[in-house]
Amino acid sequence: MTTKRPKIFGIAGWKNSGKTGLAVRLVTEFTRRGYKISTIKHAHHDFDIDKVGADSFRHREAGAHEVTIVSGTRYAIMHELRDEPEPSFEEILARLAPCDLILIEGYKREPIPKIEARRLEAANRVPLAPQDPHIVAIAADHPVEDAGALPIFDLNDTLAIADFIAATVGLGKPVK
């Protein structure tokens, strides 16, 4: 049995380019439209979602491979890599529950359709679009001269960007 790859769209850009703000606004908009959205955020640094001293933190510190925290409102599974390599993008996708759309923040080198976020304050960075054929649009808070034939959106025009993403990935009616 083959599983159908979920609909995926990415938001790429350099640090402080507006990726997170755009991702949050898009999740809000797609959810308002009735879609079930999941997100993946890639971090280039060590991070922890656990609190020092919490029971789950103590389980991990003791050497647990995976620690699952469950309540009546959510659950989280923390997997300690220890000496294992970072899981591949495909391995992470395989762990997610079915949904209408997975928004990816980061993973700028993955071969998925994505929009490049740009902010004037980070404009000294080399644009990603000219070297990445998977960037299908640019969202910026300033005029863009190097877009070629790519559509350009105002970074804050969430409705237009959401419409573009829905059309790009073929997002049908929400599954209720």
N, C-alpha and C. Protein backbone atom coordinates (compact mmCIF):
# COMPACT_ATOMS: atom_id res chain seq x y z
N MET A 1 0.84 -1.18 0.00
CA MET A 1 0.00 0.00 0.00
C MET A 1 0.89 1.25 0.00
N THR A 2 0.66 2.13 -0.95
CA THR A 2 1.43 3.36 -0.99
C THR A 2 0.62 4.47 -0.34
N THR A 3 1.33 5.31 0.40
CA THR A 3 0.65 6.43 1.03
C THR A 3 0.85 7.67 0.18
N LYS A 4 -0.19 8.45 0.07
CA LYS A 4 -0.13 9.67 -0.71
C LYS A 4 0.62 10.73 0.08
N ARG A 5 1.58 11.39 -0.58
CA ARG A 5 2.33 12.45 0.09
C ARG A 5 1.38 13.61 0.38
N PRO A 6 1.46 14.16 1.58
CA PRO A 6 0.56 15.27 1.93
C PRO A 6 0.88 16.53 1.13
N LYS A 7 -0.05 17.45 1.09
CA LYS A 7 0.18 18.74 0.44
C LYS A 7 1.13 19.54 1.33
N ILE A 8 2.20 20.03 0.73
CA ILE A 8 3.26 20.70 1.47
C ILE A 8 3.60 22.00 0.78
N PHE A 9 3.84 23.03 1.60
CA PHE A 9 4.31 24.30 1.07
C PHE A 9 5.26 24.91 2.08
N GLY A 10 6.35 25.47 1.60
CA GLY A 10 7.37 25.98 2.49
C GLY A 10 7.49 27.49 2.50
N ILE A 11 8.04 27.99 3.58
CA ILE A 11 8.39 29.40 3.73
C ILE A 11 9.88 29.43 4.02
N ALA A 12 10.64 30.00 3.08
CA ALA A 12 12.09 30.03 3.21
C ALA A 12 12.56 31.47 3.35
N GLY A 13 13.73 31.64 3.88
CA GLY A 13 14.31 32.97 4.02
C GLY A 13 15.39 32.95 5.06
N TRP A 14 16.16 34.02 5.08
CA TRP A 14 17.22 34.16 6.04
C TRP A 14 16.66 34.55 7.41
N LYS A 15 17.48 34.51 8.42
CA LYS A 15 17.09 34.92 9.77
C LYS A 15 16.52 36.34 9.73
N ASN A 16 15.45 36.55 10.48
CA ASN A 16 14.76 37.85 10.58
C ASN A 16 14.12 38.32 9.28
N SER A 17 13.78 37.36 8.40
CA SER A 17 13.16 37.73 7.13
C SER A 17 11.63 37.77 7.19
N GLY A 18 11.05 37.37 8.32
CA GLY A 18 9.60 37.39 8.45
C GLY A 18 8.94 36.04 8.29
N LYS A 19 9.72 34.96 8.28
CA LYS A 19 9.17 33.62 8.08
C LYS A 19 8.15 33.23 9.14
N THR A 20 8.50 33.40 10.40
CA THR A 20 7.62 32.96 11.48
C THR A 20 6.32 33.75 11.50
N GLY A 21 6.41 35.06 11.36
CA GLY A 21 5.19 35.88 11.34
C GLY A 21 4.27 35.47 10.21
N LEU A 22 4.85 35.24 9.02
CA LEU A 22 4.04 34.80 7.88
C LEU A 22 3.43 33.43 8.14
N ALA A 23 4.23 32.51 8.69
CA ALA A 23 3.71 31.17 8.98
C ALA A 23 2.53 31.23 9.95
N VAL A 24 2.66 32.02 11.00
CA VAL A 24 1.58 32.14 12.00
C VAL A 24 0.33 32.72 11.36
N ARG A 25 0.48 33.76 10.55
CA ARG A 25 -0.69 34.36 9.89
C ARG A 25 -1.34 33.38 8.93
N LEU A 26 -0.53 32.59 8.21
CA LEU A 26 -1.09 31.61 7.27
C LEU A 26 -1.82 30.49 8.01
N VAL A 27 -1.26 30.01 9.11
CA VAL A 27 -1.96 28.99 9.90
C VAL A 27 -3.31 29.53 10.36
N THR A 28 -3.31 30.76 10.85
CA THR A 28 -4.56 31.38 11.31
C THR A 28 -5.56 31.47 10.17
N GLU A 29 -5.12 31.91 9.00
CA GLU A 29 -6.02 32.08 7.86
C GLU A 29 -6.54 30.75 7.34
N PHE A 30 -5.67 29.77 7.16
CA PHE A 30 -6.13 28.47 6.67
C PHE A 30 -7.06 27.79 7.68
N THR A 31 -6.77 27.95 8.95
CA THR A 31 -7.65 27.39 9.99
C THR A 31 -9.01 28.08 9.96
N ARG A 32 -9.00 29.40 9.77
CA ARG A 32 -10.26 30.15 9.65
C ARG A 32 -11.08 29.64 8.48
N ARG A 33 -10.41 29.23 7.41
CA ARG A 33 -11.09 28.70 6.23
C ARG A 33 -11.56 27.27 6.41
N GLY A 34 -11.22 26.66 7.52
CA GLY A 34 -11.69 25.31 7.83
C GLY A 34 -10.71 24.20 7.53
N TYR A 35 -9.49 24.53 7.19
CA TYR A 35 -8.49 23.51 6.90
C TYR A 35 -7.78 23.06 8.16
N LYS A 36 -7.34 21.80 8.13
CA LYS A 36 -6.54 21.24 9.20
C LYS A 36 -5.08 21.39 8.77
N ILE A 37 -4.33 22.18 9.54
CA ILE A 37 -2.96 22.54 9.19
C ILE A 37 -1.97 21.96 10.19
N SER A 38 -0.87 21.45 9.68
CA SER A 38 0.26 21.05 10.53
C SER A 38 1.45 21.88 10.09
N THR A 39 2.42 22.04 10.99
CA THR A 39 3.62 22.79 10.65
C THR A 39 4.86 22.01 11.06
N ILE A 40 5.93 22.29 10.35
CA ILE A 40 7.25 21.80 10.72
C ILE A 40 8.17 23.01 10.71
N LYS A 41 8.88 23.20 11.79
CA LYS A 41 9.84 24.31 11.92
C LYS A 41 11.21 23.69 12.08
N HIS A 42 12.13 24.04 11.19
CA HIS A 42 13.50 23.54 11.32
C HIS A 42 14.34 24.54 12.10
N ALA A 43 15.05 24.04 13.09
CA ALA A 43 15.92 24.89 13.91
C ALA A 43 17.37 24.52 13.64
N HIS A 44 18.22 25.52 13.51
CA HIS A 44 19.64 25.27 13.27
C HIS A 44 20.43 25.34 14.56
N HIS A 45 19.76 25.18 15.67
CA HIS A 45 20.43 25.29 16.95
C HIS A 45 19.79 24.31 17.92
N ASP A 46 20.42 24.11 19.04
CA ASP A 46 19.88 23.25 20.08
C ASP A 46 18.63 23.93 20.65
N PHE A 47 17.62 23.18 20.95
CA PHE A 47 16.41 23.74 21.53
C PHE A 47 15.85 22.75 22.52
N ASP A 48 14.97 23.24 23.37
CA ASP A 48 14.32 22.37 24.33
C ASP A 48 12.91 22.89 24.55
N ILE A 49 11.95 21.97 24.53
CA ILE A 49 10.56 22.37 24.78
C ILE A 49 10.14 21.98 26.20
N ASP A 50 11.09 21.46 26.92
CA ASP A 50 10.82 20.96 28.27
C ASP A 50 11.40 21.92 29.30
N LYS A 51 10.86 21.90 30.50
CA LYS A 51 11.34 22.76 31.57
C LYS A 51 12.29 21.98 32.48
N VAL A 52 13.40 22.62 32.81
CA VAL A 52 14.36 22.00 33.72
C VAL A 52 13.63 21.65 35.03
N GLY A 53 13.82 20.42 35.47
CA GLY A 53 13.22 19.99 36.72
C GLY A 53 11.88 19.29 36.56
N ALA A 54 11.20 19.48 35.40
CA ALA A 54 9.91 18.80 35.19
C ALA A 54 10.15 17.29 35.13
N ASP A 55 9.11 16.53 35.42
CA ASP A 55 9.23 15.08 35.41
C ASP A 55 9.75 14.57 34.06
N SER A 56 9.18 15.11 32.96
CA SER A 56 9.59 14.66 31.64
C SER A 56 11.05 15.02 31.37
N PHE A 57 11.48 16.17 31.83
CA PHE A 57 12.88 16.58 31.69
C PHE A 57 13.77 15.58 32.43
N ARG A 58 13.36 15.21 33.62
CA ARG A 58 14.14 14.26 34.41
C ARG A 58 14.20 12.90 33.74
N HIS A 59 13.11 12.48 33.07
CA HIS A 59 13.11 11.21 32.33
C HIS A 59 14.17 11.25 31.22
N ARG A 60 14.20 12.36 30.47
CA ARG A 60 15.17 12.50 29.37
C ARG A 60 16.60 12.54 29.92
N GLU A 61 16.79 13.31 30.99
CA GLU A 61 18.12 13.40 31.59
C GLU A 61 18.60 12.05 32.09
N ALA A 62 17.67 11.20 32.49
CA ALA A 62 18.03 9.87 32.98
C ALA A 62 18.41 8.93 31.83
N GLY A 63 18.10 9.34 30.57
CA GLY A 63 18.51 8.54 29.42
C GLY A 63 17.39 7.99 28.57
N ALA A 64 16.15 8.36 28.84
CA ALA A 64 15.04 7.84 28.02
C ALA A 64 15.25 8.23 26.56
N HIS A 65 14.96 7.31 25.66
CA HIS A 65 15.08 7.53 24.22
C HIS A 65 13.96 8.43 23.71
N GLU A 66 12.73 8.14 24.13
CA GLU A 66 11.59 8.99 23.83
C GLU A 66 10.79 9.20 25.11
N VAL A 67 10.29 10.41 25.26
CA VAL A 67 9.44 10.74 26.40
C VAL A 67 8.16 11.34 25.83
N THR A 68 7.03 10.80 26.24
CA THR A 68 5.74 11.30 25.77
C THR A 68 5.01 11.92 26.94
N ILE A 69 4.53 13.14 26.73
CA ILE A 69 3.73 13.83 27.74
C ILE A 69 2.31 13.90 27.20
N VAL A 70 1.34 13.49 27.98
CA VAL A 70 -0.04 13.44 27.52
C VAL A 70 -0.95 14.11 28.54
N SER A 71 -1.86 14.94 28.03
CA SER A 71 -2.89 15.53 28.89
C SER A 71 -4.21 15.49 28.12
N GLY A 72 -5.23 16.04 28.72
CA GLY A 72 -6.53 16.07 28.06
C GLY A 72 -6.61 17.06 26.92
N THR A 73 -5.59 17.91 26.74
CA THR A 73 -5.64 18.91 25.68
C THR A 73 -4.55 18.76 24.62
N ARG A 74 -3.46 18.02 24.91
CA ARG A 74 -2.41 17.85 23.91
C ARG A 74 -1.48 16.75 24.35
N TYR A 75 -0.62 16.33 23.40
CA TYR A 75 0.47 15.44 23.77
C TYR A 75 1.70 15.83 22.97
N ALA A 76 2.85 15.52 23.49
CA ALA A 76 4.11 15.80 22.82
C ALA A 76 5.02 14.60 23.01
N ILE A 77 5.72 14.26 21.95
CA ILE A 77 6.72 13.20 22.02
C ILE A 77 8.07 13.84 21.78
N MET A 78 8.95 13.73 22.74
CA MET A 78 10.30 14.24 22.59
C MET A 78 11.21 13.05 22.33
N HIS A 79 11.96 13.12 21.28
CA HIS A 79 12.87 12.05 20.89
C HIS A 79 14.29 12.57 21.01
N GLU A 80 15.04 11.98 21.86
CA GLU A 80 16.44 12.37 22.05
C GLU A 80 17.29 11.69 20.98
N LEU A 81 18.02 12.47 20.21
CA LEU A 81 18.86 11.89 19.17
C LEU A 81 20.13 11.27 19.72
N ARG A 82 20.59 11.79 20.85
CA ARG A 82 21.84 11.32 21.44
C ARG A 82 22.91 11.32 20.35
N ASP A 83 23.39 10.18 19.89
CA ASP A 83 24.42 10.16 18.86
C ASP A 83 23.86 9.83 17.48
N GLU A 84 22.54 9.84 17.33
CA GLU A 84 21.92 9.56 16.03
C GLU A 84 21.94 10.82 15.17
N PRO A 85 21.92 10.66 13.84
CA PRO A 85 21.85 11.84 12.98
C PRO A 85 20.46 12.47 13.02
N GLU A 86 20.40 13.74 12.65
CA GLU A 86 19.10 14.43 12.54
C GLU A 86 18.22 13.65 11.56
N PRO A 87 16.94 13.44 11.88
CA PRO A 87 16.08 12.71 10.95
C PRO A 87 15.89 13.50 9.65
N SER A 88 15.69 12.75 8.58
CA SER A 88 15.48 13.40 7.29
C SER A 88 14.12 14.09 7.25
N PHE A 89 13.98 14.97 6.31
CA PHE A 89 12.71 15.66 6.09
C PHE A 89 11.58 14.65 5.88
N GLU A 90 11.82 13.63 5.07
CA GLU A 90 10.80 12.60 4.79
C GLU A 90 10.44 11.82 6.05
N GLU A 91 11.41 11.55 6.91
CA GLU A 91 11.11 10.84 8.16
C GLU A 91 10.21 11.68 9.06
N ILE A 92 10.45 12.97 9.10
CA ILE A 92 9.60 13.85 9.92
C ILE A 92 8.19 13.90 9.33
N LEU A 93 8.07 14.04 8.02
CA LEU A 93 6.75 14.05 7.38
C LEU A 93 5.96 12.78 7.72
N ALA A 94 6.65 11.65 7.72
CA ALA A 94 5.98 10.37 7.97
C ALA A 94 5.40 10.28 9.37
N ARG A 95 5.90 11.07 10.32
CA ARG A 95 5.42 11.02 11.70
C ARG A 95 4.17 11.86 11.93
N LEU A 96 3.83 12.74 10.99
CA LEU A 96 2.68 13.62 11.18
C LEU A 96 1.37 12.92 10.87
N ALA A 97 0.34 13.31 11.60
CA ALA A 97 -1.00 12.80 11.34
C ALA A 97 -1.54 13.43 10.05
N PRO A 98 -2.51 12.77 9.41
CA PRO A 98 -3.10 13.33 8.19
C PRO A 98 -3.68 14.74 8.43
N CYS A 99 -3.52 15.58 7.43
CA CYS A 99 -4.04 16.95 7.51
C CYS A 99 -4.25 17.45 6.08
N ASP A 100 -4.79 18.66 5.96
CA ASP A 100 -5.01 19.24 4.63
C ASP A 100 -3.73 19.82 4.03
N LEU A 101 -2.89 20.42 4.88
CA LEU A 101 -1.69 21.10 4.40
C LEU A 101 -0.63 21.13 5.50
N ILE A 102 0.60 20.88 5.11
CA ILE A 102 1.73 21.03 6.03
C ILE A 102 2.52 22.25 5.58
N LEU A 103 2.61 23.23 6.46
CA LEU A 103 3.43 24.41 6.21
C LEU A 103 4.81 24.17 6.82
N ILE A 104 5.83 24.41 6.03
CA ILE A 104 7.20 24.18 6.45
C ILE A 104 7.88 25.53 6.63
N GLU A 105 8.47 25.75 7.80
CA GLU A 105 9.28 26.94 8.01
C GLU A 105 10.72 26.50 8.13
N GLY A 106 11.55 26.98 7.23
CA GLY A 106 12.93 26.54 7.18
C GLY A 106 13.07 25.46 6.13
N TYR A 107 13.99 24.55 6.32
CA TYR A 107 14.28 23.51 5.32
C TYR A 107 14.38 24.14 3.94
N LYS A 108 15.13 25.24 3.84
CA LYS A 108 15.15 26.00 2.60
C LYS A 108 15.78 25.25 1.42
N ARG A 109 16.46 24.16 1.67
CA ARG A 109 17.08 23.40 0.57
C ARG A 109 16.23 22.21 0.11
N GLU A 110 15.09 21.97 0.74
CA GLU A 110 14.24 20.84 0.33
C GLU A 110 13.54 21.16 -0.99
N PRO A 111 13.37 20.15 -1.84
CA PRO A 111 12.72 20.36 -3.15
C PRO A 111 11.18 20.39 -3.04
N ILE A 112 10.68 21.40 -2.37
CA ILE A 112 9.23 21.58 -2.20
C ILE A 112 8.88 22.98 -2.67
N PRO A 113 7.64 23.21 -3.10
CA PRO A 113 7.28 24.58 -3.47
C PRO A 113 7.34 25.47 -2.24
N LYS A 114 7.91 26.67 -2.43
CA LYS A 114 8.03 27.56 -1.28
C LYS A 114 8.03 29.01 -1.73
N ILE A 115 7.72 29.86 -0.76
CA ILE A 115 7.76 31.29 -0.96
C ILE A 115 8.95 31.82 -0.18
N GLU A 116 9.68 32.74 -0.78
CA GLU A 116 10.81 33.35 -0.08
C GLU A 116 10.33 34.60 0.64
N ALA A 117 10.54 34.64 1.94
CA ALA A 117 10.20 35.81 2.75
C ALA A 117 11.41 36.73 2.79
N ARG A 118 11.16 38.03 2.58
CA ARG A 118 12.24 39.02 2.61
C ARG A 118 11.78 40.25 3.38
N ARG A 119 12.66 40.74 4.22
CA ARG A 119 12.43 42.01 4.92
C ARG A 119 13.56 42.96 4.58
N LEU A 120 13.23 44.22 4.50
CA LEU A 120 14.22 45.23 4.18
C LEU A 120 15.39 45.20 5.16
N GLU A 121 15.08 44.98 6.45
CA GLU A 121 16.15 44.98 7.46
C GLU A 121 17.13 43.83 7.28
N ALA A 122 16.73 42.80 6.54
CA ALA A 122 17.62 41.66 6.27
C ALA A 122 18.00 41.61 4.79
N ALA A 123 17.83 42.73 4.08
CA ALA A 123 18.02 42.76 2.63
C ALA A 123 19.48 42.65 2.20
N ASN A 124 20.40 42.70 3.14
CA ASN A 124 21.81 42.56 2.78
C ASN A 124 22.19 41.11 2.51
N ARG A 125 21.28 40.18 2.74
CA ARG A 125 21.54 38.75 2.49
C ARG A 125 21.32 38.45 1.01
N VAL A 126 22.00 37.44 0.50
CA VAL A 126 21.85 37.03 -0.90
C VAL A 126 20.46 36.42 -1.08
N PRO A 127 19.68 36.90 -2.05
CA PRO A 127 18.35 36.33 -2.28
C PRO A 127 18.44 34.83 -2.60
N LEU A 128 17.46 34.08 -2.15
CA LEU A 128 17.44 32.64 -2.38
C LEU A 128 16.87 32.27 -3.75
N ALA A 129 15.88 33.03 -4.21
CA ALA A 129 15.13 32.68 -5.42
C ALA A 129 16.01 32.43 -6.65
N PRO A 130 17.02 33.24 -6.92
CA PRO A 130 17.78 33.00 -8.14
C PRO A 130 18.48 31.63 -8.19
N GLN A 131 18.80 31.06 -7.01
CA GLN A 131 19.48 29.77 -6.98
C GLN A 131 18.56 28.60 -6.66
N ASP A 132 17.30 28.84 -6.37
CA ASP A 132 16.39 27.76 -5.96
C ASP A 132 15.19 27.69 -6.89
N PRO A 133 15.14 26.67 -7.76
CA PRO A 133 14.01 26.56 -8.69
C PRO A 133 12.70 26.19 -8.01
N HIS A 134 12.74 25.85 -6.71
CA HIS A 134 11.52 25.48 -5.99
C HIS A 134 10.83 26.68 -5.36
N ILE A 135 11.49 27.83 -5.38
CA ILE A 135 10.83 29.05 -4.90
C ILE A 135 9.90 29.52 -6.01
N VAL A 136 8.61 29.58 -5.67
CA VAL A 136 7.58 29.89 -6.67
C VAL A 136 7.01 31.28 -6.50
N ALA A 137 7.44 32.01 -5.47
CA ALA A 137 6.97 33.38 -5.25
C ALA A 137 7.87 34.03 -4.21
N ILE A 138 7.74 35.35 -4.11
CA ILE A 138 8.48 36.13 -3.11
C ILE A 138 7.47 36.98 -2.36
N ALA A 139 7.64 37.04 -1.03
CA ALA A 139 6.84 37.93 -0.18
C ALA A 139 7.81 38.87 0.50
N ALA A 140 7.66 40.17 0.26
CA ALA A 140 8.62 41.14 0.78
C ALA A 140 7.92 42.37 1.33
N ASP A 141 8.63 43.07 2.22
CA ASP A 141 8.10 44.32 2.75
C ASP A 141 8.76 45.53 2.07
N HIS A 142 9.37 45.28 0.91
CA HIS A 142 10.06 46.33 0.15
C HIS A 142 10.01 45.98 -1.33
N PRO A 143 10.29 46.93 -2.21
CA PRO A 143 10.30 46.63 -3.64
C PRO A 143 11.35 45.57 -3.97
N VAL A 144 10.99 44.66 -4.88
CA VAL A 144 11.88 43.57 -5.27
C VAL A 144 12.21 43.74 -6.75
N GLU A 145 13.49 43.78 -7.06
CA GLU A 145 13.93 44.00 -8.44
C GLU A 145 14.39 42.71 -9.12
N ASP A 146 14.73 41.68 -8.35
CA ASP A 146 15.36 40.49 -8.92
C ASP A 146 14.43 39.28 -8.97
N ALA A 147 13.13 39.49 -9.11
CA ALA A 147 12.17 38.39 -9.05
C ALA A 147 12.03 37.62 -10.35
N GLY A 148 12.49 38.17 -11.45
CA GLY A 148 12.27 37.51 -12.73
C GLY A 148 10.78 37.40 -12.98
N ALA A 149 10.31 36.21 -13.32
CA ALA A 149 8.88 36.01 -13.60
C ALA A 149 8.09 35.59 -12.36
N LEU A 150 8.74 35.52 -11.20
CA LEU A 150 8.04 35.07 -9.99
C LEU A 150 7.03 36.11 -9.52
N PRO A 151 5.87 35.67 -9.04
CA PRO A 151 4.93 36.62 -8.43
C PRO A 151 5.52 37.20 -7.16
N ILE A 152 5.21 38.46 -6.91
CA ILE A 152 5.68 39.14 -5.70
C ILE A 152 4.46 39.56 -4.89
N PHE A 153 4.49 39.26 -3.60
CA PHE A 153 3.42 39.62 -2.68
C PHE A 153 3.96 40.54 -1.60
N ASP A 154 3.10 41.40 -1.09
CA ASP A 154 3.44 42.14 0.10
C ASP A 154 3.54 41.11 1.23
N LEU A 155 4.57 41.18 2.03
CA LEU A 155 4.80 40.22 3.10
C LEU A 155 3.61 40.13 4.06
N ASN A 156 2.83 41.20 4.17
CA ASN A 156 1.69 41.22 5.09
C ASN A 156 0.35 40.93 4.42
N ASP A 157 0.34 40.61 3.12
CA ASP A 157 -0.90 40.33 2.41
C ASP A 157 -1.24 38.84 2.56
N THR A 158 -1.59 38.47 3.76
CA THR A 158 -1.83 37.07 4.11
C THR A 158 -2.90 36.43 3.24
N LEU A 159 -4.00 37.14 2.96
CA LEU A 159 -5.08 36.56 2.16
C LEU A 159 -4.61 36.19 0.76
N ALA A 160 -3.89 37.09 0.10
CA ALA A 160 -3.40 36.81 -1.25
C ALA A 160 -2.39 35.67 -1.24
N ILE A 161 -1.52 35.65 -0.24
CA ILE A 161 -0.52 34.58 -0.15
C ILE A 161 -1.22 33.24 0.11
N ALA A 162 -2.20 33.22 0.99
CA ALA A 162 -2.96 31.99 1.26
C ALA A 162 -3.67 31.50 0.01
N ASP A 163 -4.27 32.41 -0.74
CA ASP A 163 -4.94 32.03 -2.00
C ASP A 163 -3.92 31.43 -2.98
N PHE A 164 -2.75 32.04 -3.07
CA PHE A 164 -1.70 31.56 -3.97
C PHE A 164 -1.25 30.15 -3.55
N ILE A 165 -1.02 29.95 -2.26
CA ILE A 165 -0.59 28.64 -1.78
C ILE A 165 -1.66 27.59 -2.06
N ALA A 166 -2.90 27.92 -1.77
CA ALA A 166 -4.01 26.97 -2.01
C ALA A 166 -4.06 26.56 -3.48
N ALA A 167 -3.89 27.53 -4.37
CA ALA A 167 -3.92 27.23 -5.80
C ALA A 167 -2.68 26.42 -6.21
N THR A 168 -1.54 26.75 -5.66
CA THR A 168 -0.29 26.09 -6.02
C THR A 168 -0.29 24.61 -5.64
N VAL A 169 -0.78 24.30 -4.45
CA VAL A 169 -0.75 22.89 -4.00
C VAL A 169 -2.04 22.13 -4.34
N GLY A 170 -3.02 22.84 -4.92
CA GLY A 170 -4.28 22.18 -5.27
C GLY A 170 -5.12 21.85 -4.05
N LEU A 171 -5.16 22.76 -3.11
CA LEU A 171 -5.92 22.54 -1.89
C LEU A 171 -7.41 22.59 -2.22
N GLY A 172 -8.07 21.50 -2.01
CA GLY A 172 -9.51 21.44 -2.26
C GLY A 172 -10.30 21.99 -1.10
N LYS A 173 -11.54 21.61 -1.04
CA LYS A 173 -12.38 22.05 0.07
C LYS A 173 -11.88 21.40 1.36
N PRO A 174 -12.01 22.12 2.47
CA PRO A 174 -11.54 21.57 3.74
C PRO A 174 -12.23 20.26 4.09
N VAL A 175 -11.47 19.38 4.70
CA VAL A 175 -12.03 18.13 5.21
C VAL A 175 -12.59 18.43 6.59
N LYS A 176 -13.89 18.25 6.77
CA LYS A 176 -14.51 18.59 8.08
C LYS A 176 -14.77 17.33 8.86
